[in-house]
N, C-alpha and C. Protein backbone atom coordinates (compact mmCIF):
# COMPACT_ATOMS: atom_id res chain seq x y z
N MET A 1 -11.72 -23.79 -6.27
CA MET A 1 -10.67 -23.60 -7.26
C MET A 1 -11.21 -22.73 -8.34
N LYS A 2 -10.22 -21.98 -9.12
CA LYS A 2 -10.57 -21.34 -10.31
C LYS A 2 -9.70 -21.99 -11.47
N PHE A 3 -10.49 -22.25 -12.40
CA PHE A 3 -10.00 -23.14 -13.77
C PHE A 3 -9.61 -22.21 -14.75
N LEU A 4 -8.70 -22.45 -15.63
CA LEU A 4 -8.83 -21.76 -16.96
C LEU A 4 -9.58 -22.25 -17.82
N PRO A 5 -10.32 -21.65 -18.44
CA PRO A 5 -11.39 -22.51 -19.51
C PRO A 5 -10.38 -23.42 -20.70
N PRO A 6 -11.09 -24.33 -20.89
CA PRO A 6 -10.15 -25.24 -21.73
C PRO A 6 -9.64 -25.08 -22.94
N GLY A 7 -10.20 -23.80 -23.44
CA GLY A 7 -9.55 -23.09 -24.66
C GLY A 7 -8.66 -22.02 -24.56
N LEU A 8 -8.30 -21.89 -23.43
CA LEU A 8 -7.59 -20.84 -22.93
C LEU A 8 -5.72 -21.58 -22.20
N ALA A 9 -6.27 -22.97 -22.03
CA ALA A 9 -5.33 -23.83 -21.14
C ALA A 9 -3.93 -23.81 -22.07
N ASP A 10 -3.87 -23.44 -23.35
CA ASP A 10 -2.48 -23.54 -24.28
C ASP A 10 -2.16 -22.05 -24.48
N ASP A 11 -2.67 -21.05 -23.85
CA ASP A 11 -2.41 -19.70 -24.25
C ASP A 11 -1.39 -19.47 -23.34
N PRO A 12 -0.11 -18.91 -23.44
CA PRO A 12 0.84 -18.59 -22.40
C PRO A 12 0.69 -17.64 -21.85
N VAL A 13 -0.04 -16.51 -22.21
CA VAL A 13 -0.87 -15.17 -21.69
C VAL A 13 -1.56 -15.72 -20.73
N GLN A 14 -2.23 -16.07 -21.09
CA GLN A 14 -3.50 -16.37 -19.93
C GLN A 14 -3.05 -17.22 -19.09
N ARG A 15 -2.33 -18.32 -19.34
CA ARG A 15 -1.56 -18.95 -18.00
C ARG A 15 -0.56 -18.04 -17.03
N GLU A 16 -0.09 -17.10 -17.79
CA GLU A 16 0.91 -16.04 -17.01
C GLU A 16 -0.05 -15.06 -16.32
N ARG A 17 -1.64 -14.79 -16.53
CA ARG A 17 -2.30 -14.17 -15.87
C ARG A 17 -2.88 -14.68 -14.77
N LEU A 18 -2.76 -16.07 -14.97
CA LEU A 18 -3.20 -16.99 -13.53
C LEU A 18 -2.37 -16.79 -12.73
N LEU A 19 -0.86 -16.89 -13.04
CA LEU A 19 0.09 -16.89 -12.00
C LEU A 19 0.05 -15.64 -11.30
N ALA A 20 0.14 -14.95 -12.44
CA ALA A 20 0.26 -12.99 -12.05
C ALA A 20 -0.83 -12.95 -10.77
N GLU A 21 -1.98 -13.74 -10.98
CA GLU A 21 -3.24 -13.43 -9.62
C GLU A 21 -2.65 -14.17 -8.65
N VAL A 22 -1.89 -14.91 -8.74
CA VAL A 22 -1.88 -15.52 -7.54
C VAL A 22 -0.65 -14.95 -6.77
N ARG A 23 0.30 -14.41 -7.40
CA ARG A 23 1.59 -13.54 -6.96
C ARG A 23 1.05 -12.29 -6.43
N ILE A 24 0.24 -11.62 -7.31
CA ILE A 24 -0.44 -10.56 -6.63
C ILE A 24 -1.23 -10.74 -5.29
N ALA A 25 -2.38 -11.51 -5.58
CA ALA A 25 -3.44 -11.87 -4.25
C ALA A 25 -2.58 -12.38 -3.06
N ARG A 26 -1.30 -12.96 -3.08
CA ARG A 26 -0.74 -13.38 -1.93
C ARG A 26 -0.06 -12.39 -1.45
N GLN A 27 0.08 -11.13 -1.84
CA GLN A 27 1.09 -10.28 -0.87
C GLN A 27 -0.08 -9.20 0.01
N VAL A 28 -1.14 -9.61 -0.16
CA VAL A 28 -2.52 -9.02 0.34
C VAL A 28 -2.82 -9.91 1.27
N SER A 29 -2.95 -9.73 2.58
CA SER A 29 -3.41 -10.70 3.70
C SER A 29 -4.31 -9.65 4.80
N HIS A 30 -5.60 -9.98 4.64
CA HIS A 30 -6.78 -9.15 5.26
C HIS A 30 -8.04 -9.87 5.36
N PRO A 31 -8.72 -9.64 6.45
CA PRO A 31 -10.00 -10.42 6.64
C PRO A 31 -10.95 -10.34 5.47
N ASN A 32 -10.76 -9.42 5.07
CA ASN A 32 -11.66 -8.83 3.93
C ASN A 32 -11.43 -9.46 2.41
N ILE A 33 -10.35 -10.03 2.50
CA ILE A 33 -9.42 -10.26 1.17
C ILE A 33 -9.55 -11.61 1.10
N CYS A 34 -9.98 -12.22 -0.03
CA CYS A 34 -10.01 -13.78 -0.17
C CYS A 34 -8.75 -14.21 -0.35
N ARG A 35 -8.20 -15.07 0.56
CA ARG A 35 -7.02 -15.74 0.47
C ARG A 35 -6.93 -16.36 -0.71
N VAL A 36 -5.76 -16.49 -1.46
CA VAL A 36 -5.24 -17.21 -2.87
C VAL A 36 -4.10 -17.96 -2.20
N TYR A 37 -4.27 -19.48 -2.62
CA TYR A 37 -3.22 -20.34 -2.24
C TYR A 37 -1.95 -20.50 -2.99
N ASP A 38 -2.59 -21.37 -4.09
CA ASP A 38 -1.42 -21.86 -5.27
C ASP A 38 -1.84 -21.94 -6.53
N VAL A 39 -1.08 -22.49 -7.37
CA VAL A 39 -1.61 -22.77 -8.97
C VAL A 39 -1.17 -24.06 -8.93
N GLY A 40 -2.17 -24.95 -9.55
CA GLY A 40 -1.93 -26.55 -9.71
C GLY A 40 -2.11 -26.89 -11.22
N GLU A 41 -1.90 -27.67 -11.81
CA GLU A 41 -2.05 -28.29 -13.27
C GLU A 41 -2.13 -29.96 -13.00
N ILE A 42 -3.43 -30.39 -13.89
CA ILE A 42 -3.97 -31.56 -13.94
C ILE A 42 -4.09 -32.14 -15.55
N GLU A 43 -3.77 -33.14 -15.57
CA GLU A 43 -4.01 -33.72 -17.16
C GLU A 43 -5.53 -33.89 -17.52
N ASP A 44 -6.00 -33.25 -18.62
CA ASP A 44 -7.39 -33.87 -18.79
C ASP A 44 -7.26 -34.63 -20.16
N SER A 45 -7.47 -35.81 -19.90
CA SER A 45 -7.10 -36.74 -20.91
C SER A 45 -8.39 -36.83 -21.91
N ALA A 46 -9.51 -36.33 -21.87
CA ALA A 46 -10.55 -36.28 -22.77
C ALA A 46 -10.30 -35.31 -23.77
N ARG A 47 -9.58 -34.30 -23.29
CA ARG A 47 -9.16 -33.56 -24.40
C ARG A 47 -7.90 -33.49 -24.83
N ASN A 48 -7.05 -34.35 -24.31
CA ASN A 48 -5.42 -34.47 -24.48
C ASN A 48 -4.90 -33.17 -24.47
N THR A 49 -5.00 -32.61 -23.38
CA THR A 49 -4.37 -31.28 -22.89
C THR A 49 -4.18 -31.36 -21.31
N HIS A 50 -3.57 -30.05 -21.00
CA HIS A 50 -3.80 -29.80 -19.42
C HIS A 50 -4.59 -28.39 -19.07
N ARG A 51 -5.23 -28.75 -17.62
CA ARG A 51 -5.84 -27.95 -16.98
C ARG A 51 -5.33 -27.15 -15.81
N TYR A 52 -4.95 -25.97 -16.00
CA TYR A 52 -4.46 -25.18 -14.70
C TYR A 52 -5.54 -24.53 -14.00
N PHE A 53 -5.32 -24.18 -12.71
CA PHE A 53 -6.32 -23.97 -11.67
C PHE A 53 -5.33 -23.12 -10.58
N LEU A 54 -5.92 -22.54 -10.04
CA LEU A 54 -5.65 -21.56 -8.34
C LEU A 54 -6.67 -22.04 -7.49
N THR A 55 -6.13 -22.24 -6.11
CA THR A 55 -6.89 -22.67 -5.05
C THR A 55 -6.79 -21.44 -4.37
N MET A 56 -8.11 -21.35 -3.69
CA MET A 56 -8.18 -20.10 -2.76
C MET A 56 -9.35 -20.63 -1.60
N GLU A 57 -9.50 -19.70 -0.82
CA GLU A 57 -10.11 -19.88 0.55
C GLU A 57 -11.72 -20.29 0.33
N PHE A 58 -12.14 -21.38 0.82
CA PHE A 58 -13.49 -21.36 0.27
C PHE A 58 -14.30 -20.66 1.38
N ILE A 59 -15.33 -20.20 0.73
CA ILE A 59 -16.32 -19.17 1.17
C ILE A 59 -17.70 -19.60 1.36
N ASP A 60 -18.23 -20.08 2.35
CA ASP A 60 -19.78 -20.62 2.54
C ASP A 60 -20.70 -19.35 2.37
N GLY A 61 -20.90 -19.02 1.06
CA GLY A 61 -21.81 -17.96 1.03
C GLY A 61 -22.76 -17.76 -0.41
N GLU A 62 -22.36 -16.40 -0.81
CA GLU A 62 -22.72 -16.04 -2.05
C GLU A 62 -22.51 -14.35 -2.39
N ASP A 63 -22.29 -14.22 -3.77
CA ASP A 63 -21.71 -13.00 -4.05
C ASP A 63 -22.58 -12.14 -3.94
N LEU A 64 -22.35 -10.89 -3.84
CA LEU A 64 -23.21 -9.62 -3.74
C LEU A 64 -23.90 -9.39 -4.76
N ALA A 65 -23.46 -9.74 -6.26
CA ALA A 65 -24.41 -9.87 -7.42
C ALA A 65 -25.74 -10.39 -7.22
N SER A 66 -25.43 -11.88 -6.72
CA SER A 66 -26.47 -12.93 -6.50
C SER A 66 -27.75 -12.39 -5.14
N LEU A 67 -26.98 -11.91 -4.26
CA LEU A 67 -27.81 -11.48 -3.06
C LEU A 67 -28.83 -10.49 -3.52
N ILE A 68 -28.11 -9.42 -4.21
CA ILE A 68 -29.02 -8.36 -4.97
C ILE A 68 -30.37 -8.82 -5.75
N LYS A 69 -29.66 -9.71 -6.53
CA LYS A 69 -30.82 -10.34 -7.40
C LYS A 69 -31.90 -10.95 -6.96
N ARG A 70 -31.35 -11.86 -5.40
CA ARG A 70 -32.29 -12.33 -5.20
C ARG A 70 -33.39 -11.85 -3.96
N ILE A 71 -32.92 -10.83 -3.36
CA ILE A 71 -33.48 -9.91 -2.42
C ILE A 71 -34.02 -8.80 -3.03
N GLY A 72 -33.51 -8.18 -3.99
CA GLY A 72 -33.85 -7.03 -4.48
C GLY A 72 -32.77 -5.94 -4.17
N TYR A 73 -32.96 -5.29 -3.06
CA TYR A 73 -31.74 -4.54 -2.64
C TYR A 73 -31.40 -4.41 -1.15
N LEU A 74 -30.48 -3.93 -0.98
CA LEU A 74 -30.25 -4.27 1.00
C LEU A 74 -30.57 -3.19 1.49
N SER A 75 -30.83 -3.13 2.76
CA SER A 75 -30.99 -2.05 3.55
C SER A 75 -30.17 -0.91 3.75
N ASN A 76 -29.98 0.09 4.62
CA ASN A 76 -29.19 1.32 4.55
C ASN A 76 -28.30 0.82 5.28
N GLU A 77 -28.41 -0.08 6.69
CA GLU A 77 -27.71 -0.53 7.44
C GLU A 77 -26.81 -1.78 7.11
N LYS A 78 -27.25 -2.63 6.18
CA LYS A 78 -26.35 -3.73 5.34
C LYS A 78 -25.47 -3.27 4.75
N THR A 79 -26.00 -2.05 3.71
CA THR A 79 -25.21 -1.62 2.73
C THR A 79 -23.84 -0.78 3.55
N LEU A 80 -23.94 -0.21 4.59
CA LEU A 80 -23.03 0.48 5.35
C LEU A 80 -22.41 -0.28 6.01
N ASP A 81 -22.71 -1.57 6.62
CA ASP A 81 -21.75 -2.75 6.82
C ASP A 81 -20.96 -3.00 5.70
N ILE A 82 -21.31 -3.32 4.43
CA ILE A 82 -20.52 -3.91 3.75
C ILE A 82 -19.53 -2.81 3.29
N ALA A 83 -19.93 -1.44 3.22
CA ALA A 83 -19.06 -0.71 2.94
C ALA A 83 -17.86 -0.35 3.81
N ARG A 84 -18.15 -0.63 5.05
CA ARG A 84 -16.96 -0.55 5.92
C ARG A 84 -16.10 -1.60 5.72
N GLN A 85 -16.46 -2.74 5.38
CA GLN A 85 -15.85 -4.46 4.89
C GLN A 85 -14.91 -3.95 4.18
N LEU A 86 -15.74 -3.53 2.75
CA LEU A 86 -15.25 -3.37 1.55
C LEU A 86 -13.91 -2.52 1.41
N THR A 87 -14.23 -1.16 2.23
CA THR A 87 -13.13 -0.18 2.42
C THR A 87 -11.85 -0.51 3.44
N ALA A 88 -12.16 -1.47 4.02
CA ALA A 88 -11.13 -1.99 4.95
C ALA A 88 -10.12 -2.92 3.78
N GLY A 89 -10.60 -3.64 3.18
CA GLY A 89 -9.85 -4.60 2.40
C GLY A 89 -9.50 -3.79 1.23
N LEU A 90 -10.03 -2.90 0.74
CA LEU A 90 -9.19 -2.47 -0.39
C LEU A 90 -8.13 -1.26 0.21
N ALA A 91 -8.29 -0.76 1.48
CA ALA A 91 -7.20 -0.16 1.87
C ALA A 91 -6.00 -0.59 2.47
N ALA A 92 -5.92 -2.20 2.89
CA ALA A 92 -5.10 -2.95 2.86
C ALA A 92 -4.12 -3.45 1.51
N ALA A 93 -5.43 -3.54 0.57
CA ALA A 93 -4.55 -3.83 -0.65
C ALA A 93 -3.95 -2.58 -1.33
N HIS A 94 -4.54 -1.75 -1.11
CA HIS A 94 -3.41 -0.36 -1.40
C HIS A 94 -2.33 0.18 -0.74
N GLU A 95 -2.51 -0.46 0.64
CA GLU A 95 -1.03 -0.28 1.33
C GLU A 95 0.05 -1.02 0.96
N ARG A 96 -0.34 -2.21 0.21
CA ARG A 96 0.66 -3.15 -0.55
C ARG A 96 0.83 -2.69 -1.75
N GLY A 97 0.23 -1.51 -2.31
CA GLY A 97 0.71 -1.27 -3.77
C GLY A 97 -0.20 -2.03 -4.71
N VAL A 98 -1.40 -2.64 -4.46
CA VAL A 98 -2.02 -3.69 -5.36
C VAL A 98 -3.57 -2.81 -5.64
N LEU A 99 -3.76 -2.80 -7.07
CA LEU A 99 -4.96 -2.37 -7.56
C LEU A 99 -5.60 -3.24 -8.10
N HIS A 100 -7.00 -3.69 -7.21
CA HIS A 100 -8.10 -4.35 -7.96
C HIS A 100 -8.49 -4.48 -9.45
N ARG A 101 -8.78 -3.33 -9.75
CA ARG A 101 -9.38 -2.82 -11.08
C ARG A 101 -10.53 -3.51 -11.77
N ASP A 102 -11.08 -4.30 -11.13
CA ASP A 102 -12.41 -4.94 -11.31
C ASP A 102 -13.21 -5.34 -10.33
N LEU A 103 -13.47 -4.13 -9.44
CA LEU A 103 -14.39 -4.47 -8.45
C LEU A 103 -15.65 -4.37 -8.51
N LYS A 104 -16.50 -5.26 -8.50
CA LYS A 104 -18.08 -5.22 -8.83
C LYS A 104 -18.84 -5.99 -8.16
N PRO A 105 -19.97 -6.25 -7.87
CA PRO A 105 -20.81 -7.13 -7.02
C PRO A 105 -20.38 -8.49 -7.04
N ALA A 106 -20.19 -8.94 -8.61
CA ALA A 106 -20.03 -10.40 -8.46
C ALA A 106 -18.64 -11.08 -7.98
N ASN A 107 -17.79 -9.87 -7.66
CA ASN A 107 -16.31 -10.09 -6.94
C ASN A 107 -16.27 -9.82 -5.60
N VAL A 108 -17.68 -9.82 -4.90
CA VAL A 108 -17.64 -9.50 -3.39
C VAL A 108 -18.37 -10.61 -2.87
N MET A 109 -17.87 -11.40 -2.08
CA MET A 109 -18.50 -12.63 -1.43
C MET A 109 -18.89 -12.29 0.03
N ILE A 110 -20.05 -13.06 0.52
CA ILE A 110 -20.13 -12.51 2.02
C ILE A 110 -20.78 -13.88 2.49
N ASP A 111 -20.26 -14.23 3.67
CA ASP A 111 -20.64 -15.73 4.04
C ASP A 111 -21.88 -15.73 4.88
N GLY A 112 -22.18 -16.64 5.64
CA GLY A 112 -23.34 -16.72 6.25
C GLY A 112 -23.26 -15.98 7.71
N HIS A 113 -22.38 -15.40 7.94
CA HIS A 113 -21.98 -14.44 9.22
C HIS A 113 -21.86 -13.12 8.77
N GLY A 114 -21.94 -12.83 7.46
CA GLY A 114 -22.10 -11.15 6.89
C GLY A 114 -20.79 -10.77 6.78
N ARG A 115 -19.39 -11.87 7.07
CA ARG A 115 -18.06 -11.33 6.51
C ARG A 115 -17.90 -11.09 4.84
N VAL A 116 -17.44 -10.10 4.73
CA VAL A 116 -17.53 -9.64 3.19
C VAL A 116 -15.95 -9.94 2.98
N ARG A 117 -15.95 -10.60 1.54
CA ARG A 117 -14.39 -10.81 1.14
C ARG A 117 -14.34 -10.12 -0.43
N ILE A 118 -13.39 -9.34 -0.91
CA ILE A 118 -13.12 -9.01 -2.05
C ILE A 118 -12.09 -10.10 -2.72
N THR A 119 -12.75 -10.91 -3.93
CA THR A 119 -12.31 -11.85 -4.48
C THR A 119 -11.75 -11.31 -5.60
N ASP A 120 -11.22 -12.20 -6.60
CA ASP A 120 -11.24 -12.33 -8.09
C ASP A 120 -10.00 -11.06 -8.27
N PHE A 121 -8.67 -11.16 -8.21
CA PHE A 121 -7.53 -10.44 -8.43
C PHE A 121 -7.01 -10.99 -9.68
N GLY A 122 -7.45 -11.35 -10.78
CA GLY A 122 -7.11 -11.46 -12.16
C GLY A 122 -6.83 -10.64 -12.53
N LEU A 123 -7.41 -9.50 -12.66
CA LEU A 123 -6.94 -8.22 -13.42
C LEU A 123 -6.43 -7.02 -12.24
N ALA A 124 -5.87 -7.56 -11.08
CA ALA A 124 -5.18 -6.65 -10.17
C ALA A 124 -3.90 -6.48 -10.56
N VAL A 125 -2.91 -5.29 -10.22
CA VAL A 125 -1.84 -5.20 -10.82
C VAL A 125 -1.17 -4.17 -9.27
N ALA A 126 0.41 -4.35 -9.61
CA ALA A 126 0.99 -3.45 -8.69
C ALA A 126 0.99 -1.93 -9.41
N ALA A 127 0.90 -1.13 -8.46
CA ALA A 127 0.53 0.25 -8.98
C ALA A 127 1.34 0.97 -9.91
N GLY A 128 2.76 0.27 -9.84
CA GLY A 128 3.92 0.84 -10.64
C GLY A 128 4.05 -0.10 -12.19
N ASP A 129 3.14 -0.94 -12.17
CA ASP A 129 3.54 -1.89 -13.09
C ASP A 129 2.67 -1.64 -14.21
N GLN A 130 1.55 -0.77 -14.40
CA GLN A 130 0.97 -0.52 -15.54
C GLN A 130 1.12 1.02 -16.22
N THR A 131 1.18 1.16 -17.22
CA THR A 131 1.37 2.49 -17.91
C THR A 131 0.11 2.83 -19.02
N GLN A 132 0.12 4.32 -18.74
CA GLN A 132 -1.30 4.72 -19.74
C GLN A 132 -1.23 4.08 -20.88
N GLY A 133 -2.35 3.91 -21.41
CA GLY A 133 -2.69 3.10 -22.92
C GLY A 133 -2.49 1.69 -22.88
N ASP A 134 -1.97 1.10 -21.90
CA ASP A 134 -2.29 -0.74 -21.82
C ASP A 134 -3.50 -0.69 -21.81
N GLU A 135 -3.92 -1.98 -22.23
CA GLU A 135 -5.21 -2.55 -22.89
C GLU A 135 -6.38 -2.23 -21.90
N MET A 136 -7.46 -1.87 -22.07
CA MET A 136 -8.44 -1.45 -21.13
C MET A 136 -8.94 -2.71 -20.38
N SER A 137 -8.84 -2.91 -19.36
CA SER A 137 -9.44 -4.16 -18.65
C SER A 137 -10.01 -3.78 -17.76
N GLY A 138 -11.43 -4.57 -17.27
CA GLY A 138 -12.33 -4.27 -16.57
C GLY A 138 -13.51 -4.47 -16.70
N THR A 139 -14.65 -4.21 -16.09
CA THR A 139 -16.13 -4.45 -16.35
C THR A 139 -16.66 -2.77 -16.64
N PRO A 140 -16.69 -2.49 -17.72
CA PRO A 140 -17.31 -1.18 -18.13
C PRO A 140 -18.09 -0.70 -17.22
N ALA A 141 -19.22 -1.17 -16.87
CA ALA A 141 -20.15 -0.44 -15.89
C ALA A 141 -19.61 -0.03 -14.53
N TYR A 142 -18.62 -0.43 -14.39
CA TYR A 142 -17.84 -0.24 -12.96
C TYR A 142 -16.53 0.33 -13.23
N MET A 143 -16.01 0.58 -14.37
CA MET A 143 -15.08 1.31 -14.36
C MET A 143 -15.09 2.72 -14.39
N ALA A 144 -13.97 3.30 -14.03
CA ALA A 144 -13.65 4.76 -13.51
C ALA A 144 -13.61 5.51 -14.98
N PRO A 145 -13.74 6.72 -15.01
CA PRO A 145 -13.86 7.49 -16.29
C PRO A 145 -12.77 7.15 -17.05
N GLU A 146 -11.09 7.80 -16.08
CA GLU A 146 -9.94 7.73 -16.88
C GLU A 146 -9.90 6.14 -17.29
N GLN A 147 -10.16 5.13 -17.03
CA GLN A 147 -10.27 3.86 -17.48
C GLN A 147 -10.63 3.48 -18.71
N LEU A 148 -12.01 4.40 -18.82
CA LEU A 148 -12.50 3.91 -20.20
C LEU A 148 -11.73 4.66 -21.03
N VAL A 149 -11.21 5.48 -21.00
CA VAL A 149 -10.54 6.25 -22.01
C VAL A 149 -8.96 5.69 -22.21
N GLY A 150 -8.57 4.92 -21.44
CA GLY A 150 -7.37 4.24 -21.90
C GLY A 150 -6.22 4.77 -20.71
N GLN A 151 -6.63 5.31 -19.90
CA GLN A 151 -5.75 5.80 -18.65
C GLN A 151 -5.04 4.70 -17.59
N ALA A 152 -4.54 4.98 -17.00
CA ALA A 152 -3.76 3.90 -16.04
C ALA A 152 -4.86 3.96 -14.77
N ALA A 153 -5.06 3.23 -14.09
CA ALA A 153 -5.93 3.00 -13.04
C ALA A 153 -5.14 3.44 -11.87
N THR A 154 -5.86 3.93 -10.98
CA THR A 154 -5.25 4.48 -9.60
C THR A 154 -6.04 4.01 -8.64
N VAL A 155 -5.67 4.36 -7.08
CA VAL A 155 -6.40 4.06 -5.97
C VAL A 155 -7.86 4.68 -6.18
N ARG A 156 -7.99 5.85 -6.79
CA ARG A 156 -9.13 6.76 -7.12
C ARG A 156 -10.34 5.84 -7.89
N SER A 157 -9.66 5.11 -8.81
CA SER A 157 -10.33 4.19 -9.83
C SER A 157 -11.11 2.93 -8.89
N ASP A 158 -10.32 2.52 -8.03
CA ASP A 158 -10.76 1.50 -7.15
C ASP A 158 -12.04 2.00 -6.54
N LEU A 159 -11.64 3.30 -5.67
CA LEU A 159 -12.77 3.71 -4.88
C LEU A 159 -14.23 4.14 -5.69
N TYR A 160 -13.75 4.83 -6.94
CA TYR A 160 -15.04 4.81 -7.91
C TYR A 160 -15.86 3.64 -7.92
N ALA A 161 -15.16 2.63 -8.63
CA ALA A 161 -15.97 1.49 -8.46
C ALA A 161 -16.42 0.93 -7.23
N LEU A 162 -16.01 1.20 -5.85
CA LEU A 162 -16.46 1.04 -4.68
C LEU A 162 -17.97 1.97 -4.77
N GLY A 163 -17.86 3.08 -5.05
CA GLY A 163 -19.12 3.85 -4.83
C GLY A 163 -20.17 3.16 -5.55
N LEU A 164 -20.09 2.68 -6.88
CA LEU A 164 -21.13 2.16 -8.13
C LEU A 164 -21.28 0.89 -7.29
N VAL A 165 -20.79 0.01 -6.78
CA VAL A 165 -20.82 -1.06 -6.03
C VAL A 165 -22.03 -0.61 -5.30
N LEU A 166 -21.90 -0.12 -4.21
CA LEU A 166 -22.76 0.24 -2.95
C LEU A 166 -23.92 0.94 -3.48
N THR A 167 -23.77 1.85 -4.84
CA THR A 167 -25.14 2.48 -5.04
C THR A 167 -25.91 1.27 -5.68
N LYS A 168 -25.42 0.24 -6.25
CA LYS A 168 -26.03 -0.97 -6.90
C LYS A 168 -26.50 -1.45 -5.53
N SER A 169 -26.13 -1.63 -4.61
CA SER A 169 -26.38 -2.46 -3.66
C SER A 169 -27.96 -2.00 -2.86
N ALA A 170 -27.94 -0.62 -2.92
CA ALA A 170 -29.03 0.25 -2.20
C ALA A 170 -29.93 0.54 -3.17
N ARG A 171 -29.72 0.24 -4.46
CA ARG A 171 -30.93 0.63 -5.29
C ARG A 171 -31.87 -0.37 -5.62
N GLU A 172 -33.11 -0.27 -6.28
CA GLU A 172 -33.90 -1.24 -6.93
C GLU A 172 -33.64 -2.08 -7.66
N ARG A 173 -34.24 -3.18 -7.66
CA ARG A 173 -33.93 -4.52 -8.52
C ARG A 173 -33.83 -4.15 -9.99
N GLY A 174 -32.61 -4.67 -10.61
CA GLY A 174 -32.50 -4.14 -11.98
C GLY A 174 -31.96 -2.84 -12.33
N ARG A 175 -31.95 -1.95 -11.49
CA ARG A 175 -31.35 -0.46 -11.78
C ARG A 175 -29.95 -0.56 -11.69
N SER A 176 -29.40 -0.77 -12.68
CA SER A 176 -27.68 -0.67 -12.80
C SER A 176 -27.11 0.90 -12.68
N PRO A 177 -26.13 1.12 -11.84
CA PRO A 177 -25.58 2.64 -12.16
C PRO A 177 -24.89 2.57 -13.63
N ARG A 178 -25.21 3.40 -14.34
CA ARG A 178 -24.92 3.51 -15.53
C ARG A 178 -24.78 5.12 -15.91
N ARG A 179 -23.54 5.41 -16.60
CA ARG A 179 -23.06 6.74 -16.93
C ARG A 179 -23.40 7.06 -18.47
N ARG A 180 -24.45 7.08 -19.05
CA ARG A 180 -24.67 7.10 -20.26
C ARG A 180 -24.66 8.75 -20.66
N SER A 181 -24.02 9.29 -22.02
CA SER A 181 -24.34 10.53 -21.91
C SER A 181 -26.00 10.39 -22.69
N PRO A 182 -26.32 11.78 -22.89
CA PRO A 182 -27.46 11.87 -23.29
C PRO A 182 -27.67 11.60 -24.76
N SER A 183 -28.86 11.13 -25.12
CA SER A 183 -29.03 11.18 -26.74
C SER A 183 -29.14 12.26 -27.25
N CYS A 184 -29.24 12.25 -28.63
CA CYS A 184 -29.13 13.44 -29.58
C CYS A 184 -30.51 13.97 -29.22
N GLY A 185 -31.75 12.83 -29.16
CA GLY A 185 -32.94 13.84 -29.26
C GLY A 185 -32.91 14.42 -27.56
N SER A 186 -32.71 13.66 -26.55
CA SER A 186 -32.44 14.32 -25.38
C SER A 186 -31.99 15.58 -25.18
N ARG A 187 -30.93 15.86 -25.72
CA ARG A 187 -30.06 17.07 -26.18
C ARG A 187 -30.93 18.06 -26.42
N LYS A 188 -31.43 17.47 -27.79
CA LYS A 188 -32.49 18.74 -28.42
C LYS A 188 -33.44 19.16 -27.67
N ARG A 189 -34.17 18.15 -26.75
CA ARG A 189 -35.13 18.65 -26.08
C ARG A 189 -34.68 19.50 -24.82
N ARG A 190 -33.43 19.24 -24.05
CA ARG A 190 -32.91 20.17 -23.04
C ARG A 190 -32.55 21.66 -23.62
N ASP A 191 -31.79 21.76 -25.09
CA ASP A 191 -31.57 22.72 -25.53
C ASP A 191 -32.66 23.69 -25.71
N ARG A 192 -33.71 22.98 -26.20
CA ARG A 192 -35.20 23.73 -26.57
C ARG A 192 -35.77 24.21 -25.12
N ARG A 193 -35.57 23.68 -24.09
CA ARG A 193 -36.04 23.94 -22.92
C ARG A 193 -35.20 25.32 -22.23
N THR A 194 -33.97 25.08 -22.37
CA THR A 194 -33.04 26.32 -22.03
C THR A 194 -33.14 27.47 -22.82
N HIS A 195 -33.29 27.17 -23.94
CA HIS A 195 -33.79 28.21 -25.09
C HIS A 195 -35.05 28.78 -24.50
N ARG A 196 -35.83 28.23 -24.11
CA ARG A 196 -37.25 28.94 -23.69
C ARG A 196 -36.98 29.84 -22.59
N ARG A 197 -36.36 29.22 -21.64
CA ARG A 197 -36.13 29.62 -20.33
C ARG A 197 -35.26 31.40 -20.57
N ILE A 198 -34.32 31.12 -21.62
CA ILE A 198 -33.33 32.50 -21.82
C ILE A 198 -34.33 33.67 -22.45
N SER A 199 -34.99 32.78 -23.40
CA SER A 199 -36.26 33.76 -23.99
C SER A 199 -36.96 34.48 -23.25
N GLY A 200 -37.56 33.74 -22.20
CA GLY A 200 -38.07 34.26 -21.30
C GLY A 200 -37.62 35.48 -20.34
N LEU A 201 -36.21 35.12 -19.95
CA LEU A 201 -35.53 35.86 -19.22
C LEU A 201 -35.38 37.33 -20.26
N GLY A 202 -35.21 36.98 -21.26
CA GLY A 202 -34.88 38.38 -22.19
C GLY A 202 -36.36 39.07 -22.16
N SER A 203 -37.39 38.74 -22.31
CA SER A 203 -38.83 39.22 -22.29
C SER A 203 -38.76 39.98 -21.05
N ILE A 204 -38.75 39.37 -19.61
CA ILE A 204 -38.77 39.91 -18.50
C ILE A 204 -37.94 41.23 -18.29
N ARG A 205 -37.04 41.00 -18.84
CA ARG A 205 -35.64 42.37 -18.91
C ARG A 205 -36.22 43.47 -19.69
N SER A 206 -36.82 43.05 -20.86
CA SER A 206 -37.37 44.11 -21.77
C SER A 206 -38.42 44.81 -21.32
N SER A 207 -39.15 43.96 -20.57
CA SER A 207 -40.67 44.91 -19.90
C SER A 207 -40.05 45.69 -18.62
N ASN A 208 -39.19 45.21 -18.00
CA ASN A 208 -38.98 45.88 -16.93
C ASN A 208 -38.06 47.33 -17.50
N GLY A 209 -37.19 46.80 -18.38
CA GLY A 209 -36.37 48.15 -18.63
C GLY A 209 -37.33 49.18 -19.16
């Protein structure tokens, strides 16, 4: 089960997101997509409020983020196997017009038999239900460039995140995929090296001429 945090239980926007997650996730039925069943509500007498939750398929395993943290990195064969299953699950979602928008290792579950499921459709949307300029949603380290600048996500955005997930799976422990612009100092050093190379070429041309 997935519960709304107690502090968000009275927030109608958060409740609607939970309902939307169920509606969208139930549109996709595939062996590599975690099945979501329904939304429920229980009374929390200790806090004098109600708790909202959704029920989903139980997966006896661990998420990819925990697996990478535990063993360091995956073999090429294992990474390829995960890639095949994730692409199959994403393809099924995209065929139904659903964009996940938050694919990352923590949202990938692997059971004891090696079967992979994509989980957490909390930020998923139908492809036609978003517009450019919507609130930026997702995990920045796994977001496509267009999402980072506030543009609408597309199928390519999910595929970009998939590439980062697989890169993370095959890299050494602790090295996350990052797309950082060079620091000011790095740019200056690079410019100086470029200037020296250009100056050297000029000297060669002058001597040859």
